[in-house]
Amino acid sequence: MDAGTHLIDFTAAPPRPRALDVRWIHGSPSAKHNTDPDIQVYRYDEHTFILRQNKAVNYEAPFLFLMFGNAQAVLIDTGATASAEFFPLRRVVDELVTGWLARHPRDAYRLLVLHTHAHGDHVAGDGQFTDRPHTTVVGADLATAWKYFGFDADPDTVARVDLGGRVLECLATPGHHETAVTFYDPWTGFLLTGDTVYPGRLYVQDWRAFARTIDRLIDFSDRRPVTHVLGCHIEMTREPGVDYPIRTTYQPDEPPLEMATGHLHEIQAAIKEAGDRPGRSSHSFFILWPNE
C-alpha cells in the first residue's frame, strides 16, 4: 500500500448496535410483474454492504456480504445462479469496489472471495470472479477451505482473515454442512452464520456436530460484542413458527433477516429438548429440520 494512503481505523470504537433500515426485495406475485433488481444492495455503512439475490431469479434468494478493509475487500458467498446475464454479481461488486476506491484511493486493491459453506446456492457465482484481476477465490470444498483457514490442522482454532486493519474471526461450524464457516466482524459486530442460523428451516446434516456448533457460537458470542446474527436466507413468515413453503418465490410477509444472540440460546434449548432422537420442531423464529 502506498505510504501516502489514508488508513481507516477499524478498531477505534466497539460496534454500536443499530437496526438494519431496509425492506428486502421478496419476489413478485408473477414474473411479468417483477420490477425489482436482480441483486438488491443495502449499504449498512461506508465499508459494509449486504446483497440479496432476487427471488424471481432464484427462490433461494440468498444474502451475500461485501466488506472493505484497507488492503482488500471480502465477498462472502456468490449466490445461487452462475449466469452473469441473469445474476450480474461481478458487475455489481465491481461497481461497489470502484465507488469505494474513488472515495478511499489506494493502489493494488484486492478482492477475496470466501464462503459460508459449499452448497450450490452459495457458490454458483464463483466462476464470475475466476478471471478477475487482483482476486483470490477460495474454494468452498472441505479440503480447500479447511486448509485456507487452518481448520485441517485444528478445527477448534479461531482463524483470522486480515482485510487490512479489519480482521475477521472465522470458526469451523459444521452441522448444517461439514464445510460450514461462521464469520465475526469486529467492526460491525456482525456474526455471519450462513445456513447454520437464520430465520427459517435449519436443515441439520449432523445432529451432534450441530449441537456442538450452537454451544460454541454461544460461548464465542458471550466474549464479543455481537450486534446482529445474520444468516443467508429468510424462510419464515411473521407468524411465529410458520414458514413459507419450499420453492416459494413471493414472500411479502417476511420477518427481519437479523437475529440476536438470544436466538442462539433458543436453538440450544430446542436441541436439548429434542435429545438424541430429534424430529422436526417449529419455534418462533426457526424450524429445526434434522435429516431423517
Protein backbone atom coordinates (compact mmCIF):
# COMPACT_ATOMS: atom_id res chain seq x y z
CA MET A 1 0.00 0.00 0.00
CA ASP A 2 1.28 3.47 -0.90
CA ALA A 3 2.87 5.35 2.00
CA GLY A 4 0.51 8.29 1.46
CA THR A 5 -2.66 6.17 1.62
CA HIS A 6 -5.12 7.19 4.30
CA LEU A 7 -5.65 4.24 6.61
CA ILE A 8 -9.08 3.67 8.12
CA ASP A 9 -9.05 2.76 11.81
CA PHE A 10 -11.36 -0.22 12.15
CA THR A 11 -10.55 -0.67 15.84
CA ALA A 12 -11.25 2.86 17.13
CA ALA A 13 -14.50 2.01 18.92
CA PRO A 14 -16.64 -1.04 19.72
CA PRO A 15 -19.50 -1.72 17.32
CA ARG A 16 -22.77 0.06 18.05
CA PRO A 17 -25.94 -1.96 17.60
CA ARG A 18 -28.46 -0.41 15.22
CA ALA A 19 -31.33 -1.74 13.17
CA LEU A 20 -30.98 -2.67 9.52
CA ASP A 21 -33.07 0.08 7.97
CA VAL A 22 -34.14 -1.86 4.90
CA ARG A 23 -37.06 -3.67 3.35
CA TRP A 24 -35.68 -6.59 1.43
CA ILE A 25 -36.90 -7.44 -2.03
CA HIS A 26 -39.06 -10.52 -1.60
CA GLY A 27 -40.25 -11.58 -5.05
CA SER A 28 -43.38 -10.79 -7.03
CA PRO A 29 -46.78 -12.47 -7.47
CA SER A 30 -45.80 -13.25 -11.08
CA ALA A 31 -42.64 -12.96 -13.17
CA LYS A 32 -44.16 -10.37 -15.50
CA HIS A 33 -44.80 -8.07 -12.54
CA ASN A 34 -41.26 -8.31 -11.23
CA THR A 35 -39.61 -4.88 -11.34
CA ASP A 36 -37.03 -5.45 -8.60
CA PRO A 37 -33.31 -5.57 -9.44
CA ASP A 38 -31.64 -8.94 -9.85
CA ILE A 39 -29.50 -8.03 -6.84
CA GLN A 40 -30.53 -5.69 -4.05
CA VAL A 41 -27.67 -3.71 -2.49
CA TYR A 42 -28.02 -2.40 1.07
CA ARG A 43 -25.33 -0.09 2.42
CA TYR A 44 -25.06 -0.79 6.13
CA ASP A 45 -22.19 1.65 6.47
CA GLU A 46 -19.44 3.13 4.32
CA HIS A 47 -17.42 -0.09 4.42
CA THR A 48 -20.13 -2.78 4.66
CA PHE A 49 -22.73 -3.91 2.11
CA ILE A 50 -25.36 -6.65 2.22
CA LEU A 51 -26.62 -8.04 -1.09
CA ARG A 52 -29.72 -10.13 -1.71
CA GLN A 53 -30.46 -12.16 -4.80
CA ASN A 54 -33.95 -11.60 -6.21
CA LYS A 55 -36.36 -14.48 -5.58
CA ALA A 56 -37.54 -14.08 -9.17
CA VAL A 57 -34.03 -15.13 -10.25
CA ASN A 58 -33.75 -17.99 -7.76
CA TYR A 59 -36.19 -18.92 -5.00
CA GLU A 60 -33.32 -19.42 -2.54
CA ALA A 61 -32.75 -15.62 -2.55
CA PRO A 62 -29.50 -15.87 -0.57
CA PHE A 63 -27.84 -12.94 1.15
CA LEU A 64 -24.19 -12.11 0.39
CA PHE A 65 -21.82 -9.85 2.31
CA LEU A 66 -19.21 -7.44 0.93
CA MET A 67 -16.84 -5.86 3.45
CA PHE A 68 -13.96 -3.48 2.82
CA GLY A 69 -10.64 -3.20 4.65
CA ASN A 70 -7.57 -1.09 3.96
CA ALA A 71 -5.85 -3.70 1.77
CA GLN A 72 -8.66 -5.82 0.37
CA ALA A 73 -12.37 -6.46 0.35
CA VAL A 74 -14.04 -9.77 1.03
CA LEU A 75 -17.14 -11.15 -0.66
CA ILE A 76 -18.75 -13.87 1.41
CA ASP A 77 -20.73 -16.24 -0.84
CA THR A 78 -21.58 -15.81 -4.51
CA GLY A 79 -25.25 -16.71 -4.73
CA ALA A 80 -27.42 -19.33 -6.38
CA THR A 81 -27.05 -18.53 -10.11
CA ALA A 82 -23.96 -18.94 -12.28
CA SER A 83 -25.03 -16.86 -15.27
CA ALA A 84 -23.90 -13.23 -15.22
CA GLU A 85 -26.75 -12.47 -17.62
CA PHE A 86 -29.39 -13.38 -15.06
CA PHE A 87 -27.34 -12.68 -11.95
CA PRO A 88 -24.76 -9.92 -12.63
CA LEU A 89 -22.87 -10.32 -9.38
CA ARG A 90 -19.45 -9.49 -10.82
CA ARG A 91 -20.76 -6.23 -12.31
CA VAL A 92 -22.45 -5.18 -9.06
CA VAL A 93 -19.40 -6.00 -6.94
CA ASP A 94 -17.08 -4.21 -9.39
CA GLU A 95 -19.28 -1.11 -9.21
CA LEU A 96 -19.21 -1.14 -5.42
CA VAL A 97 -15.45 -1.63 -5.34
CA THR A 98 -14.89 1.14 -7.89
CA GLY A 99 -17.08 3.50 -5.90
CA TRP A 100 -15.34 2.68 -2.62
CA LEU A 101 -11.91 3.18 -4.17
CA ALA A 102 -13.00 6.53 -5.59
CA ARG A 103 -13.72 7.64 -2.02
CA HIS A 104 -10.73 5.84 -0.46
CA PRO A 105 -7.97 5.74 -3.11
CA ARG A 106 -5.28 3.08 -2.79
CA ASP A 107 -3.20 1.00 -5.18
CA ALA A 108 -3.26 -2.75 -5.86
CA TYR A 109 -6.53 -3.27 -4.01
CA ARG A 110 -7.56 -6.93 -3.86
CA LEU A 111 -10.79 -8.90 -3.62
CA LEU A 112 -11.06 -12.11 -1.61
CA VAL A 113 -13.99 -14.50 -2.15
CA LEU A 114 -14.89 -16.80 0.74
CA HIS A 115 -17.94 -18.92 1.57
CA THR A 116 -20.17 -19.88 4.46
CA HIS A 117 -20.36 -23.43 3.08
CA ALA A 118 -20.30 -25.43 -0.13
CA HIS A 119 -23.99 -25.78 -1.04
CA GLY A 120 -24.75 -24.72 -4.60
CA ASP A 121 -26.84 -21.67 -3.69
CA HIS A 122 -23.76 -20.13 -2.03
CA VAL A 123 -21.06 -20.89 -4.62
CA ALA A 124 -22.79 -20.75 -8.02
CA GLY A 125 -21.39 -17.33 -8.94
CA ASP A 126 -17.74 -18.22 -8.26
CA GLY A 127 -17.00 -18.52 -11.95
CA GLN A 128 -17.76 -14.84 -12.48
CA PHE A 129 -14.64 -14.00 -10.47
CA THR A 130 -12.10 -16.58 -11.66
CA ASP A 131 -10.58 -14.22 -14.24
CA ARG A 132 -10.98 -11.01 -12.23
CA PRO A 133 -7.61 -9.26 -11.68
CA HIS A 134 -6.27 -8.98 -8.13
CA THR A 135 -8.79 -11.56 -6.92
CA THR A 136 -8.48 -14.76 -4.90
CA VAL A 137 -11.38 -17.20 -4.91
CA VAL A 138 -11.02 -19.76 -2.12
CA GLY A 139 -12.94 -22.92 -2.96
CA ALA A 140 -15.70 -23.92 -0.58
CA ASP A 141 -14.91 -27.65 -0.66
CA LEU A 142 -13.70 -29.15 2.59
CA ALA A 143 -10.07 -29.71 1.61
CA THR A 144 -9.55 -26.24 0.12
CA ALA A 145 -11.45 -24.17 2.66
CA TRP A 146 -10.16 -26.06 5.69
CA LYS A 147 -6.56 -25.69 4.56
CA TYR A 148 -7.04 -21.96 3.92
CA PHE A 149 -8.42 -21.34 7.41
CA GLY A 150 -6.13 -23.82 9.14
CA PHE A 151 -9.06 -25.95 10.30
CA ASP A 152 -7.43 -29.05 8.79
CA ALA A 153 -4.74 -28.83 11.48
CA ASP A 154 -7.03 -27.62 14.29
CA PRO A 155 -10.80 -27.49 13.74
CA ASP A 156 -11.23 -25.64 17.04
CA THR A 157 -8.96 -22.75 16.12
CA VAL A 158 -10.29 -19.23 15.57
CA ALA A 159 -8.82 -18.28 12.19
CA ARG A 160 -8.21 -14.64 11.33
CA VAL A 161 -8.55 -13.02 7.92
CA ASP A 162 -6.97 -9.57 7.81
CA LEU A 163 -8.55 -7.23 5.26
CA GLY A 164 -6.11 -4.51 6.26
CA GLY A 165 -6.90 -3.38 9.81
CA ARG A 166 -10.29 -5.08 9.69
CA VAL A 167 -9.70 -8.60 10.95
CA LEU A 168 -12.46 -11.19 10.62
CA GLU A 169 -12.56 -14.08 13.07
CA CYS A 170 -13.60 -17.37 11.47
CA LEU A 171 -14.87 -20.56 13.08
CA ALA A 172 -15.48 -24.04 11.73
CA THR A 173 -19.17 -24.61 12.49
CA PRO A 174 -20.27 -27.95 10.98
CA GLY A 175 -23.70 -29.43 11.48
CA HIS A 176 -25.73 -27.96 8.66
CA HIS A 177 -22.87 -28.92 6.35
CA GLU A 178 -19.41 -30.27 7.01
CA THR A 179 -17.77 -27.22 5.39
CA ALA A 180 -19.74 -24.57 7.30
CA VAL A 181 -17.83 -21.49 8.49
CA THR A 182 -19.09 -18.64 10.67
CA PHE A 183 -17.51 -15.19 10.36
CA TYR A 184 -17.36 -12.49 13.04
CA ASP A 185 -16.63 -8.91 12.03
CA PRO A 186 -15.48 -6.75 14.98
CA TRP A 187 -16.11 -3.53 13.01
CA THR A 188 -19.88 -4.04 12.70
CA GLY A 189 -20.37 -6.72 15.34
CA PHE A 190 -21.95 -8.98 12.72
CA LEU A 191 -21.92 -12.73 13.34
CA LEU A 192 -22.39 -14.22 9.88
CA THR A 193 -23.80 -17.70 10.36
CA GLY A 194 -24.61 -18.80 6.80
CA ASP A 195 -27.24 -21.55 6.86
CA THR A 196 -26.41 -22.61 10.42
CA VAL A 197 -28.65 -19.96 11.98
CA TYR A 198 -31.21 -17.84 10.14
CA PRO A 199 -34.98 -17.17 10.30
CA GLY A 200 -36.02 -20.34 8.53
CA ARG A 201 -35.64 -24.10 8.30
CA LEU A 202 -32.41 -25.11 9.97
CA TYR A 203 -31.50 -28.21 7.99
CA VAL A 204 -29.20 -30.36 10.11
CA GLN A 205 -26.89 -32.83 8.40
CA ASP A 206 -25.06 -33.92 11.57
CA TRP A 207 -27.10 -33.50 14.77
CA ARG A 208 -24.24 -33.88 17.26
CA ALA A 209 -21.97 -31.53 15.29
CA PHE A 210 -24.81 -29.01 15.07
CA ALA A 211 -25.36 -29.11 18.83
CA ARG A 212 -21.65 -28.55 19.45
CA THR A 213 -21.64 -25.68 16.96
CA ILE A 214 -24.52 -23.88 18.68
CA ASP A 215 -22.76 -24.29 22.04
CA ARG A 216 -19.59 -22.89 20.54
CA LEU A 217 -21.34 -19.91 18.96
CA ILE A 218 -22.92 -19.05 22.31
CA ASP A 219 -19.57 -19.23 24.09
CA PHE A 220 -17.90 -17.20 21.32
CA SER A 221 -20.63 -14.55 21.37
CA ASP A 222 -20.50 -14.22 25.15
CA ARG A 223 -16.93 -12.96 24.77
CA ARG A 224 -17.53 -10.41 22.00
CA PRO A 225 -19.93 -7.56 21.22
CA VAL A 226 -22.33 -9.11 18.71
CA THR A 227 -24.80 -6.61 17.25
CA HIS A 228 -26.63 -8.93 14.85
CA VAL A 229 -26.69 -12.61 13.97
CA LEU A 230 -27.08 -12.68 10.19
CA GLY A 231 -27.75 -15.81 8.20
CA CYS A 232 -28.15 -16.20 4.45
CA HIS A 233 -31.90 -16.73 3.97
CA ILE A 234 -35.34 -15.74 5.20
CA GLU A 235 -37.89 -18.56 5.08
CA MET A 236 -40.22 -17.72 7.97
CA THR A 237 -43.35 -15.58 7.92
CA ARG A 238 -44.10 -13.03 10.61
CA GLU A 239 -46.46 -15.54 12.21
CA PRO A 240 -44.40 -17.35 14.87
CA GLY A 241 -43.45 -20.87 13.85
CA VAL A 242 -44.88 -20.63 10.33
CA ASP A 243 -42.59 -20.81 7.30
CA TYR A 244 -43.12 -20.22 3.59
CA PRO A 245 -43.25 -23.46 1.58
CA ILE A 246 -40.05 -24.61 -0.09
CA ARG A 247 -39.53 -23.01 -3.53
CA THR A 248 -41.72 -20.02 -2.68
CA THR A 249 -40.86 -17.08 -4.96
CA TYR A 250 -43.05 -14.43 -3.30
CA GLN A 251 -42.69 -13.69 0.41
CA PRO A 252 -44.50 -10.42 1.21
CA ASP A 253 -44.71 -11.10 4.96
CA GLU A 254 -41.07 -11.78 5.80
CA PRO A 255 -39.61 -11.11 9.25
CA PRO A 256 -36.29 -9.25 9.51
CA LEU A 257 -33.09 -11.00 8.49
CA GLU A 258 -31.29 -10.00 11.67
CA MET A 259 -31.46 -12.21 14.72
CA ALA A 260 -29.94 -11.75 18.18
CA THR A 261 -27.66 -13.86 20.34
CA GLY A 262 -30.73 -14.73 22.41
CA HIS A 263 -31.93 -16.76 19.44
CA LEU A 264 -28.83 -18.94 19.77
CA HIS A 265 -29.99 -19.80 23.27
CA GLU A 266 -33.47 -20.63 21.93
CA ILE A 267 -31.91 -23.02 19.42
CA GLN A 268 -29.76 -24.54 22.16
CA ALA A 269 -32.85 -25.11 24.30
CA ALA A 270 -34.69 -26.71 21.38
CA ILE A 271 -31.76 -29.06 20.78
CA LYS A 272 -31.71 -30.12 24.42
CA GLU A 273 -35.46 -30.66 24.39
CA ALA A 274 -35.14 -32.90 21.32
CA GLY A 275 -32.47 -35.06 22.95
CA ASP A 276 -30.90 -37.90 20.98
CA ARG A 277 -33.99 -38.60 18.85
CA PRO A 278 -34.61 -35.31 17.06
CA GLY A 279 -37.57 -34.69 14.82
CA ARG A 280 -38.81 -31.58 13.08
CA SER A 281 -39.96 -28.94 15.53
CA SER A 282 -41.29 -25.42 14.92
CA HIS A 283 -40.27 -22.48 17.05
CA SER A 284 -40.95 -18.77 16.89
CA PHE A 285 -38.12 -17.73 14.57
CA PHE A 286 -36.88 -21.05 13.20
CA ILE A 287 -37.72 -24.68 12.47
CA LEU A 288 -35.31 -27.44 13.42
CA TRP A 289 -35.20 -29.79 10.43
CA PRO A 290 -32.80 -32.70 11.03
CA ASN A 291 -32.07 -35.19 8.27
CA GLU A 292 -34.27 -38.20 8.91
